[in-house]
Amino acid sequence: MISNTHRNGLVVAGTLIGDWLLAMLTYWLFMSLFLDVTWDEMQLHTSVVVGVLYCACIINGGVILYLREVKRVQIVTKVTRNVLLFAVVAIPLLKFGHFRTMDYDMVPLFLLALIVVVSSFRLCVRSLMNYYRKKGGHVTKVVFVGSKYNNLALYKEMKSITSLGYRPLGYFDDNVNPKFPEDCPYLGTPSDVMEYLANHKDVQELFCCLPSQRAEEIMKILHYCEKHFVHFYNVPNVTNYLHHRVYFNMLGSVPYLSLYREPLSRPENRAEKRLFDILVSGLFLCTLFPIILVIVTIITKLTMPGPVFFKQKRNGLNGKEFYCYKFRSMKVNADADKVQATKDDPRKTKWGNIMRKTNIDELPQFWNVFVGNMSLVGPRPHMLKHTEEYSKLIDKYMIRHFVKPGITGWSQVTGFRGETKELSQMEGRVLGDIWYIEHWSLGLDLYIMYRTIANVIAGDKEAY
């Protein structure tokens, strides 16, 4: 919560501007030194388009320098995703827009240089920010009113994330709380707050967790803070029953807390994702799929009896059942709706094994995407029996149905694809699915699609 609410806007804005300037400088150097481009009107127009596209990609990707315990590899990964998204968007647009493009053999080198330059810049900003805060620069002095668990937890967060620059001065409560450490001393009762603030004008923020029954005391403190430039924050007492991160929302003038951040709960985001699904699936179904269908049909009929397609009921959005289509990769059997495929499953044919390893068997699901049962990217749909079983074993299992299932997903490209022999494997998949739901963006979908294609080309040992 701290990192979201108290994000340093200047650091974010400065990082994005510096990122953009360095990227454009790298582009201009490549075009001038390596490609000997003439800086005519065409090149200026191309530069403007490149600049706008890159700016859109980094704003979409965002900055994570202020997050808790962010690792260097996470910063580099964020930059890499931004650059790959830029490449996916810019290359076709520049080509079809008849702008001046870089030689294709130079593109990988340019993208690598861009990742190195921008990653180095962001890592330097992160290091400088940490050094500045640890040396006492831009310190925010705070006090706590009430010493319940939520304020104690808030104190521990502030002390553990030194880069945020918080300096807790102490706490007020009716009695001394032995759970608070010595470096956060007892300052008095809530009735002493205003006198303390009057004598310590350097206090900038106050966090109050007094119960609502003491509304009269709370309002006196709040009004004093408003008149004396102290930021007042109410800390809701929900940690005794909610051991989960929560998000603040407003419906009109009524506040409420939610457990999950769901970008796809917004109609404009759902429309964006659905439009992308229709365009990509429609294009695939009208171009490549007919050719693949003919080839698969011929080989399937020559290698095993039975239908070409396999359909199975699975759970989709909000648990609704739908028929998921695949190219049949197994012999017709009675366990299809009950038993998960294994590495050396005797039900698979040689041709079926090839299709499963290359993901060809999943291609009919582009029809599911086109008609709206599925999305290109999302949590993989499970058979009904598995949904029934795992929903009883894993508390948050059904949350993965808050969005449409996908042909591929975040869990599938981060190591949780294939057979789930242990419960921990399914728990990891569910956590990955929830992470995707909370962090969805079109850029993330493009990155997952790229990772999926890369895994198919490289060969995925979990594909069987």
Protein backbone atom coordinates (compact mmCIF):
# COMPACT_ATOMS: atom_id res chain seq x y z
CA MET A 1 0.00 0.00 0.00
CA ILE A 2 2.80 2.40 0.87
CA SER A 3 4.54 2.03 -2.43
CA ASN A 4 1.32 2.64 -4.37
CA THR A 5 0.05 5.60 -2.37
CA HIS A 6 3.34 7.40 -1.86
CA ARG A 7 4.90 6.92 -5.23
CA ASN A 8 7.37 9.66 -6.05
CA GLY A 9 5.85 11.30 -9.12
CA LEU A 10 8.98 13.31 -9.88
CA VAL A 11 11.13 10.17 -9.95
CA VAL A 12 8.66 8.41 -12.25
CA ALA A 13 8.33 11.38 -14.60
CA GLY A 14 12.08 12.01 -14.61
CA THR A 15 12.79 8.35 -15.31
CA LEU A 16 10.37 8.22 -18.23
CA ILE A 17 11.74 11.43 -19.74
CA GLY A 18 15.35 10.28 -19.33
CA ASP A 19 14.41 6.86 -20.73
CA TRP A 20 12.85 8.47 -23.81
CA LEU A 21 15.75 10.87 -24.40
CA LEU A 22 18.34 8.09 -24.17
CA ALA A 23 16.29 5.86 -26.47
CA MET A 24 16.00 8.58 -29.10
CA LEU A 25 19.71 9.39 -28.79
CA THR A 26 20.53 5.71 -29.31
CA TYR A 27 18.24 5.64 -32.37
CA TRP A 28 19.81 8.76 -33.87
CA LEU A 29 23.34 7.45 -33.27
CA PHE A 30 22.51 4.14 -34.94
CA MET A 31 20.92 5.85 -37.92
CA SER A 32 23.81 8.31 -38.30
CA LEU A 33 26.90 6.24 -37.48
CA PHE A 34 26.00 2.77 -38.67
CA LEU A 35 23.52 3.41 -41.47
CA ASP A 36 24.75 6.79 -42.72
CA VAL A 37 21.19 8.11 -43.08
CA THR A 38 20.52 11.52 -44.60
CA TRP A 39 18.56 13.68 -42.18
CA ASP A 40 15.96 14.87 -44.64
CA GLU A 41 12.24 15.48 -44.16
CA MET A 42 11.44 11.75 -44.47
CA GLN A 43 13.88 10.87 -41.68
CA LEU A 44 12.50 13.61 -39.43
CA HIS A 45 8.96 12.27 -39.92
CA THR A 46 10.19 8.76 -39.17
CA SER A 47 11.92 9.98 -36.00
CA VAL A 48 8.70 11.61 -34.78
CA VAL A 49 6.77 8.36 -35.30
CA VAL A 50 9.47 6.32 -33.55
CA GLY A 51 9.51 8.78 -30.65
CA VAL A 52 5.73 8.72 -30.22
CA LEU A 53 5.56 4.91 -30.37
CA TYR A 54 8.39 4.45 -27.88
CA CYS A 55 6.86 7.01 -25.54
CA ALA A 56 3.53 5.15 -25.62
CA CYS A 57 5.27 1.83 -24.89
CA ILE A 58 7.22 3.06 -21.86
CA ILE A 59 4.19 4.84 -20.41
CA ASN A 60 2.21 1.62 -20.85
CA GLY A 61 5.04 -0.38 -19.25
CA GLY A 62 5.54 2.04 -16.38
CA VAL A 63 8.31 2.39 -13.80
CA ILE A 64 8.93 0.07 -10.85
CA LEU A 65 11.89 1.83 -9.21
CA TYR A 66 9.80 2.75 -6.15
CA LEU A 67 8.44 -0.74 -5.44
CA ARG A 68 9.37 -2.67 -2.32
CA GLU A 69 12.60 -4.68 -2.57
CA VAL A 70 12.57 -4.47 -6.35
CA LYS A 71 15.42 -6.53 -7.80
CA ARG A 72 17.76 -5.45 -10.56
CA VAL A 73 16.56 -8.29 -12.77
CA GLN A 74 12.97 -7.00 -12.42
CA ILE A 75 14.03 -3.57 -13.66
CA VAL A 76 15.89 -5.10 -16.62
CA THR A 77 12.90 -7.36 -17.36
CA LYS A 78 10.56 -4.35 -17.37
CA VAL A 79 12.85 -2.50 -19.82
CA THR A 80 13.12 -5.59 -22.03
CA ARG A 81 9.33 -5.92 -22.19
CA ASN A 82 8.99 -2.25 -23.10
CA VAL A 83 11.57 -2.58 -25.88
CA LEU A 84 10.05 -5.80 -27.27
CA LEU A 85 6.59 -4.22 -27.25
CA PHE A 86 8.05 -1.23 -29.08
CA ALA A 87 9.61 -3.56 -31.67
CA VAL A 88 6.36 -5.51 -32.18
CA VAL A 89 4.40 -2.27 -32.69
CA ALA A 90 6.95 -0.11 -34.53
CA ILE A 91 8.42 -2.50 -37.12
CA PRO A 92 5.16 -3.31 -38.96
CA LEU A 93 3.82 0.26 -38.64
CA LEU A 94 6.98 1.79 -40.10
CA LYS A 95 7.06 -0.81 -42.86
CA PHE A 96 3.43 -0.50 -43.94
CA GLY A 97 3.45 3.25 -43.42
CA HIS A 98 6.33 3.56 -45.92
CA PHE A 99 8.59 5.27 -43.42
CA ARG A 100 12.34 4.87 -43.51
CA THR A 101 13.24 1.65 -41.72
CA MET A 102 16.42 0.20 -40.31
CA ASP A 103 18.05 -2.75 -42.09
CA TYR A 104 16.65 -5.94 -40.60
CA ASP A 105 20.13 -7.30 -39.80
CA MET A 106 20.73 -4.19 -37.64
CA VAL A 107 17.43 -4.38 -35.73
CA PRO A 108 18.54 -7.02 -33.14
CA LEU A 109 21.72 -5.05 -32.42
CA PHE A 110 19.73 -1.82 -32.02
CA LEU A 111 17.20 -3.45 -29.68
CA LEU A 112 19.99 -4.98 -27.59
CA ALA A 113 21.75 -1.61 -27.36
CA LEU A 114 18.47 0.01 -26.36
CA ILE A 115 17.92 -2.54 -23.57
CA VAL A 116 21.47 -2.08 -22.25
CA VAL A 117 21.37 1.74 -22.33
CA VAL A 118 17.91 2.14 -20.78
CA SER A 119 18.46 -0.61 -18.19
CA SER A 120 21.73 1.01 -17.10
CA PHE A 121 19.98 4.36 -16.77
CA ARG A 122 17.14 2.99 -14.65
CA LEU A 123 19.51 1.02 -12.43
CA CYS A 124 21.55 4.19 -11.86
CA VAL A 125 18.39 6.14 -10.96
CA ARG A 126 17.39 3.40 -8.50
CA SER A 127 20.85 3.39 -6.86
CA LEU A 128 20.97 7.18 -6.60
CA MET A 129 17.47 7.31 -5.12
CA ASN A 130 18.36 4.69 -2.48
CA TYR A 131 21.61 6.46 -1.62
CA TYR A 132 19.86 9.84 -1.32
CA ARG A 133 17.17 8.46 0.98
CA LYS A 134 19.58 6.48 3.17
CA LYS A 135 21.68 9.61 3.67
CA GLY A 136 18.63 11.43 5.00
CA GLY A 137 17.57 13.27 1.88
CA HIS A 138 13.84 13.99 1.46
CA VAL A 139 12.88 12.35 4.77
CA THR A 140 9.19 12.23 5.72
CA LYS A 141 8.63 12.40 9.48
CA VAL A 142 5.52 10.58 10.69
CA VAL A 143 3.68 9.73 13.92
CA PHE A 144 1.12 7.03 14.68
CA VAL A 145 -2.11 7.48 16.65
CA GLY A 146 -3.19 4.10 17.97
CA SER A 147 -0.87 1.12 18.33
CA LYS A 148 -3.00 -1.72 17.02
CA TYR A 149 -1.56 -4.37 14.73
CA ASN A 150 -2.22 -2.39 11.54
CA ASN A 151 -0.15 0.62 12.66
CA LEU A 152 2.58 -1.69 13.98
CA ALA A 153 2.65 -3.47 10.61
CA LEU A 154 2.80 -0.08 8.88
CA TYR A 155 5.77 0.92 11.04
CA LYS A 156 7.62 -2.29 10.11
CA GLU A 157 6.96 -1.65 6.41
CA MET A 158 8.35 1.87 6.69
CA LYS A 159 11.50 0.67 8.42
CA SER A 160 12.07 -2.19 6.00
CA ILE A 161 11.79 -0.02 2.87
CA THR A 162 14.44 2.61 3.53
CA SER A 163 14.22 3.96 -0.01
CA LEU A 164 10.76 5.42 0.77
CA GLY A 165 12.36 7.91 3.17
CA TYR A 166 10.03 7.51 6.18
CA ARG A 167 11.22 8.38 9.69
CA PRO A 168 8.68 7.30 12.37
CA LEU A 169 8.99 9.54 15.46
CA GLY A 170 6.73 7.55 17.79
CA TYR A 171 3.13 6.60 18.62
CA PHE A 172 0.20 7.79 20.73
CA ASP A 173 -2.18 5.44 22.50
CA ASP A 174 -4.01 5.06 25.80
CA ASN A 175 -1.24 2.81 27.12
CA VAL A 176 2.31 1.78 26.22
CA ASN A 177 2.42 -1.05 23.68
CA PRO A 178 5.42 -3.33 24.41
CA LYS A 179 5.29 -4.63 20.83
CA PHE A 180 6.56 -1.30 19.49
CA PRO A 181 10.39 -1.18 19.49
CA GLU A 182 12.43 1.40 21.40
CA ASP A 183 13.24 3.43 18.27
CA CYS A 184 9.52 4.20 17.95
CA PRO A 185 8.81 5.60 21.45
CA TYR A 186 5.54 6.14 23.26
CA LEU A 187 4.63 9.85 22.94
CA GLY A 188 1.48 10.04 25.06
CA THR A 189 -2.27 9.56 24.78
CA PRO A 190 -4.39 10.62 21.77
CA SER A 191 -5.34 13.78 23.68
CA ASP A 192 -1.66 14.82 23.57
CA VAL A 193 -1.41 14.67 19.77
CA MET A 194 -2.24 18.30 19.01
CA GLU A 195 0.16 19.66 21.62
CA TYR A 196 2.93 17.45 20.26
CA LEU A 197 2.27 18.59 16.68
CA ALA A 198 2.30 22.21 17.79
CA ASN A 199 5.79 21.70 19.30
CA HIS A 200 7.10 19.57 16.42
CA LYS A 201 6.22 21.41 13.25
CA ASP A 202 8.45 19.12 11.17
CA VAL A 203 5.92 16.24 11.39
CA GLN A 204 4.53 15.81 7.90
CA GLU A 205 2.22 12.79 8.12
CA LEU A 206 -0.01 11.21 10.76
CA PHE A 207 -1.44 7.67 10.56
CA CYS A 208 -4.49 7.06 12.74
CA CYS A 209 -6.00 3.64 13.52
CA LEU A 210 -8.30 4.57 16.39
CA PRO A 211 -11.68 2.73 16.26
CA SER A 212 -14.67 4.55 14.77
CA GLN A 213 -16.30 4.69 18.21
CA ARG A 214 -13.79 7.43 19.02
CA ALA A 215 -14.96 9.58 16.12
CA GLU A 216 -15.01 12.79 18.17
CA GLU A 217 -11.31 12.44 19.08
CA ILE A 218 -10.41 11.48 15.52
CA MET A 219 -12.19 14.51 14.04
CA LYS A 220 -10.36 16.91 16.39
CA ILE A 221 -7.02 15.48 15.28
CA LEU A 222 -8.07 15.51 11.62
CA HIS A 223 -9.17 19.16 11.72
CA TYR A 224 -5.94 20.19 13.45
CA CYS A 225 -3.90 18.37 10.78
CA GLU A 226 -5.80 20.07 7.97
CA LYS A 227 -5.11 23.50 9.45
CA HIS A 228 -1.43 22.88 10.13
CA PHE A 229 -0.19 21.21 6.92
CA VAL A 230 0.00 17.69 8.35
CA HIS A 231 -1.26 14.94 6.03
CA PHE A 232 -3.82 12.80 7.88
CA TYR A 233 -4.23 9.13 6.92
CA ASN A 234 -6.79 6.73 8.34
CA VAL A 235 -5.52 3.15 8.61
CA PRO A 236 -8.54 0.77 8.43
CA ASN A 237 -8.51 -2.03 10.98
CA VAL A 238 -9.06 -4.97 8.61
CA THR A 239 -5.82 -6.89 9.16
CA ASN A 240 -7.35 -8.98 11.94
CA TYR A 241 -9.46 -10.84 9.36
CA LEU A 242 -7.96 -9.85 5.96
CA HIS A 243 -4.38 -11.05 5.58
CA HIS A 244 -4.24 -9.78 2.03
CA ARG A 245 -3.31 -6.64 0.18
CA VAL A 246 -6.35 -4.40 -0.32
CA TYR A 247 -7.15 -1.57 -2.74
CA PHE A 248 -9.08 1.61 -1.99
CA ASN A 249 -12.04 2.46 -4.25
CA MET A 250 -14.76 5.08 -4.38
CA LEU A 251 -18.36 4.68 -5.55
CA GLY A 252 -19.68 8.22 -5.64
CA SER A 253 -18.77 9.51 -2.18
CA VAL A 254 -18.71 6.07 -0.54
CA PRO A 255 -15.29 4.42 0.02
CA TYR A 256 -14.78 0.66 -0.05
CA LEU A 257 -11.88 -1.79 -0.14
CA SER A 258 -11.30 -4.49 -2.74
CA LEU A 259 -9.00 -7.50 -2.51
CA TYR A 260 -7.83 -7.52 -6.10
CA ARG A 261 -6.86 -4.94 -8.69
CA GLU A 262 -8.67 -5.94 -11.89
CA PRO A 263 -7.86 -3.85 -14.96
CA LEU A 264 -10.31 -5.96 -16.99
CA SER A 265 -13.19 -4.89 -14.74
CA ARG A 266 -13.09 -1.60 -16.67
CA PRO A 267 -15.31 -1.68 -19.81
CA GLU A 268 -12.75 0.15 -21.98
CA ASN A 269 -10.06 -2.44 -21.16
CA ARG A 270 -12.43 -5.34 -21.88
CA ALA A 271 -13.34 -3.72 -25.20
CA GLU A 272 -9.66 -3.25 -26.09
CA LYS A 273 -8.84 -6.88 -25.31
CA ARG A 274 -11.92 -8.19 -27.14
CA LEU A 275 -11.15 -6.14 -30.25
CA PHE A 276 -7.58 -7.46 -30.26
CA ASP A 277 -8.89 -11.03 -29.86
CA ILE A 278 -11.33 -10.66 -32.78
CA LEU A 279 -8.75 -9.10 -35.12
CA VAL A 280 -6.00 -11.66 -34.45
CA SER A 281 -8.23 -14.75 -34.32
CA GLY A 282 -10.21 -13.64 -37.38
CA LEU A 283 -7.04 -13.03 -39.37
CA PHE A 284 -5.61 -16.44 -38.37
CA LEU A 285 -8.86 -18.31 -39.13
CA CYS A 286 -9.09 -16.72 -42.58
CA THR A 287 -5.46 -17.24 -43.61
CA LEU A 288 -3.30 -19.94 -41.99
CA PHE A 289 -5.91 -22.11 -40.31
CA PRO A 290 -7.52 -23.57 -43.48
CA ILE A 291 -4.09 -24.76 -44.69
CA ILE A 292 -3.23 -26.24 -41.28
CA LEU A 293 -6.67 -27.88 -41.09
CA VAL A 294 -6.17 -29.68 -44.43
CA ILE A 295 -2.71 -30.96 -43.43
CA VAL A 296 -3.83 -32.08 -39.95
CA THR A 297 -6.94 -33.76 -41.33
CA ILE A 298 -4.97 -35.79 -43.87
CA ILE A 299 -2.32 -36.95 -41.39
CA THR A 300 -4.86 -37.65 -38.63
CA LYS A 301 -7.03 -39.78 -40.92
CA LEU A 302 -3.95 -41.72 -42.07
CA THR A 303 -2.64 -42.38 -38.56
CA MET A 304 -5.69 -43.04 -36.37
CA PRO A 305 -9.44 -43.67 -36.62
CA GLY A 306 -11.98 -41.25 -35.24
CA PRO A 307 -12.83 -37.55 -35.62
CA VAL A 308 -10.27 -34.84 -36.38
CA PHE A 309 -11.54 -32.51 -33.67
CA PHE A 310 -11.82 -33.16 -29.95
CA LYS A 311 -14.22 -31.09 -27.87
CA GLN A 312 -14.46 -31.02 -24.11
CA LYS A 313 -16.52 -29.06 -21.63
CA ARG A 314 -14.40 -26.65 -19.61
CA ASN A 315 -15.02 -23.77 -17.21
CA GLY A 316 -14.71 -20.25 -18.58
CA LEU A 317 -15.56 -16.73 -17.45
CA ASN A 318 -17.33 -16.78 -14.05
CA GLY A 319 -17.23 -20.61 -14.13
CA LYS A 320 -19.58 -20.84 -17.13
CA GLU A 321 -19.19 -24.10 -19.04
CA PHE A 322 -18.28 -24.10 -22.73
CA TYR A 323 -16.96 -26.53 -25.33
CA CYS A 324 -13.21 -26.11 -25.85
CA TYR A 325 -11.98 -27.36 -29.24
CA LYS A 326 -8.67 -29.05 -30.04
CA PHE A 327 -7.18 -31.21 -32.76
CA ARG A 328 -7.48 -34.75 -31.44
CA SER A 329 -4.09 -36.02 -30.34
CA MET A 330 -5.20 -39.18 -28.52
CA LYS A 331 -7.01 -42.36 -29.35
CA VAL A 332 -10.70 -42.25 -28.57
CA ASN A 333 -10.93 -43.25 -24.87
CA ALA A 334 -13.33 -43.20 -21.93
CA ASP A 335 -10.96 -41.25 -19.64
CA ALA A 336 -10.69 -38.10 -21.78
CA ASP A 337 -12.83 -36.04 -19.40
CA LYS A 338 -11.25 -37.41 -16.22
CA VAL A 339 -7.53 -38.10 -16.59
CA GLN A 340 -4.87 -35.46 -17.33
CA ALA A 341 -2.34 -36.18 -20.08
CA THR A 342 1.05 -37.46 -18.85
CA LYS A 343 4.50 -37.50 -20.45
CA ASP A 344 4.37 -41.12 -21.63
CA ASP A 345 0.59 -41.35 -21.90
CA PRO A 346 -0.29 -44.50 -23.89
CA ARG A 347 -3.42 -42.79 -25.21
CA LYS A 348 -1.32 -40.43 -27.36
CA THR A 349 -0.40 -41.31 -30.94
CA LYS A 350 2.96 -40.41 -32.53
CA TRP A 351 1.29 -37.73 -34.62
CA GLY A 352 -0.65 -36.54 -31.58
CA ASN A 353 2.59 -36.26 -29.64
CA ILE A 354 4.06 -34.04 -32.36
CA MET A 355 0.98 -31.81 -32.31
CA ARG A 356 1.12 -31.46 -28.52
CA LYS A 357 4.83 -30.62 -28.48
CA THR A 358 4.35 -27.91 -31.12
CA ASN A 359 0.98 -26.65 -29.74
CA ILE A 360 -0.69 -27.42 -33.07
CA ASP A 361 -3.44 -29.27 -31.19
CA GLU A 362 -4.49 -25.99 -29.52
CA LEU A 363 -5.04 -24.03 -32.77
CA PRO A 364 -8.81 -24.76 -33.09
CA GLN A 365 -9.21 -22.67 -29.93
CA PHE A 366 -8.82 -19.60 -32.15
CA TRP A 367 -12.47 -20.36 -32.99
CA ASN A 368 -13.29 -20.26 -29.26
CA VAL A 369 -11.56 -16.88 -29.13
CA PHE A 370 -13.42 -15.55 -32.16
CA VAL A 371 -16.86 -16.48 -30.79
CA GLY A 372 -16.02 -15.11 -27.35
CA ASN A 373 -15.66 -18.21 -25.12
CA MET A 374 -11.93 -17.61 -24.72
CA SER A 375 -9.24 -14.98 -25.18
CA LEU A 376 -5.84 -15.25 -26.86
CA VAL A 377 -4.20 -14.84 -23.45
CA GLY A 378 -5.58 -15.77 -20.05
CA PRO A 379 -5.64 -18.59 -17.49
CA ARG A 380 -5.79 -21.97 -19.24
CA PRO A 381 -9.26 -23.56 -18.99
CA HIS A 382 -9.41 -26.80 -16.99
CA MET A 383 -11.73 -29.76 -17.42
CA LEU A 384 -14.81 -29.73 -15.19
CA LYS A 385 -13.56 -32.56 -12.97
CA HIS A 386 -10.31 -30.70 -12.19
CA THR A 387 -12.17 -27.48 -11.42
CA GLU A 388 -14.40 -29.36 -8.98
CA GLU A 389 -11.44 -31.09 -7.29
CA TYR A 390 -8.99 -28.19 -7.07
CA SER A 391 -11.60 -25.64 -5.97
CA LYS A 392 -11.90 -27.70 -2.76
CA LEU A 393 -8.13 -27.93 -2.25
CA ILE A 394 -6.96 -24.41 -3.19
CA ASP A 395 -8.73 -21.43 -1.57
CA LYS A 396 -8.17 -18.93 -4.39
CA TYR A 397 -8.63 -21.39 -7.26
CA MET A 398 -11.92 -19.95 -8.57
CA ILE A 399 -10.51 -16.41 -8.80
CA ARG A 400 -8.81 -17.46 -12.07
CA HIS A 401 -12.31 -17.49 -13.61
CA PHE A 402 -12.71 -13.73 -13.12
CA VAL A 403 -11.46 -13.36 -16.73
CA LYS A 404 -11.86 -15.39 -19.90
CA PRO A 405 -9.53 -18.39 -20.26
CA GLY A 406 -6.78 -18.18 -22.86
CA ILE A 407 -4.98 -20.27 -25.48
CA THR A 408 -1.81 -19.36 -23.59
CA GLY A 409 -1.17 -17.60 -20.31
CA TRP A 410 1.33 -16.13 -17.89
CA SER A 411 1.59 -19.35 -15.89
CA GLN A 412 2.30 -21.35 -19.05
CA VAL A 413 5.30 -19.19 -20.03
CA THR A 414 6.72 -18.99 -16.50
CA GLY A 415 7.14 -22.69 -15.74
CA PHE A 416 3.68 -23.91 -14.72
CA ARG A 417 2.61 -25.61 -17.93
CA GLY A 418 1.71 -29.27 -18.33
CA GLU A 419 0.94 -32.03 -15.88
CA THR A 420 0.35 -31.07 -12.25
CA LYS A 421 1.68 -34.05 -10.29
CA GLU A 422 1.86 -32.12 -7.01
CA LEU A 423 -0.69 -29.76 -5.46
CA SER A 424 2.06 -27.11 -5.20
CA GLN A 425 2.31 -27.05 -9.01
CA MET A 426 -1.36 -26.17 -9.35
CA GLU A 427 -1.03 -23.61 -6.53
CA GLY A 428 1.82 -21.99 -8.48
CA ARG A 429 -0.32 -21.92 -11.60
CA VAL A 430 -3.21 -20.30 -9.73
CA LEU A 431 -0.93 -17.64 -8.23
CA GLY A 432 0.42 -16.91 -11.72
CA ASP A 433 -3.12 -16.61 -13.07
CA ILE A 434 -4.09 -14.18 -10.30
CA TRP A 435 -0.94 -12.14 -10.96
CA TYR A 436 -1.97 -11.90 -14.62
CA ILE A 437 -5.50 -10.80 -13.70
CA GLU A 438 -4.12 -8.01 -11.48
CA HIS A 439 -1.45 -6.82 -13.94
CA TRP A 440 -3.23 -7.17 -17.29
CA SER A 441 -2.28 -4.86 -20.12
CA LEU A 442 -2.24 -5.27 -23.88
CA GLY A 443 1.54 -5.03 -23.70
CA LEU A 444 1.62 -7.97 -21.26
CA ASP A 445 -0.56 -10.01 -23.64
CA LEU A 446 1.84 -9.30 -26.51
CA TYR A 447 4.79 -10.29 -24.34
CA ILE A 448 3.13 -13.60 -23.34
CA MET A 449 2.34 -14.35 -26.99
CA TYR A 450 5.96 -13.66 -27.88
CA ARG A 451 7.19 -15.94 -25.06
CA THR A 452 4.78 -18.66 -26.19
CA ILE A 453 6.06 -18.58 -29.78
CA ALA A 454 9.67 -18.49 -28.54
CA ASN A 455 9.02 -21.56 -26.34
CA VAL A 456 7.48 -23.46 -29.25
CA ILE A 457 10.51 -22.71 -31.44
CA ALA A 458 13.01 -23.54 -28.69
CA GLY A 459 11.05 -26.60 -27.54
CA ASP A 460 9.20 -26.75 -24.22
CA LYS A 461 10.03 -29.86 -22.13
CA GLU A 462 6.67 -29.50 -20.34
CA ALA A 463 4.76 -29.74 -23.65
CA TYR A 464 3.39 -33.28 -23.91
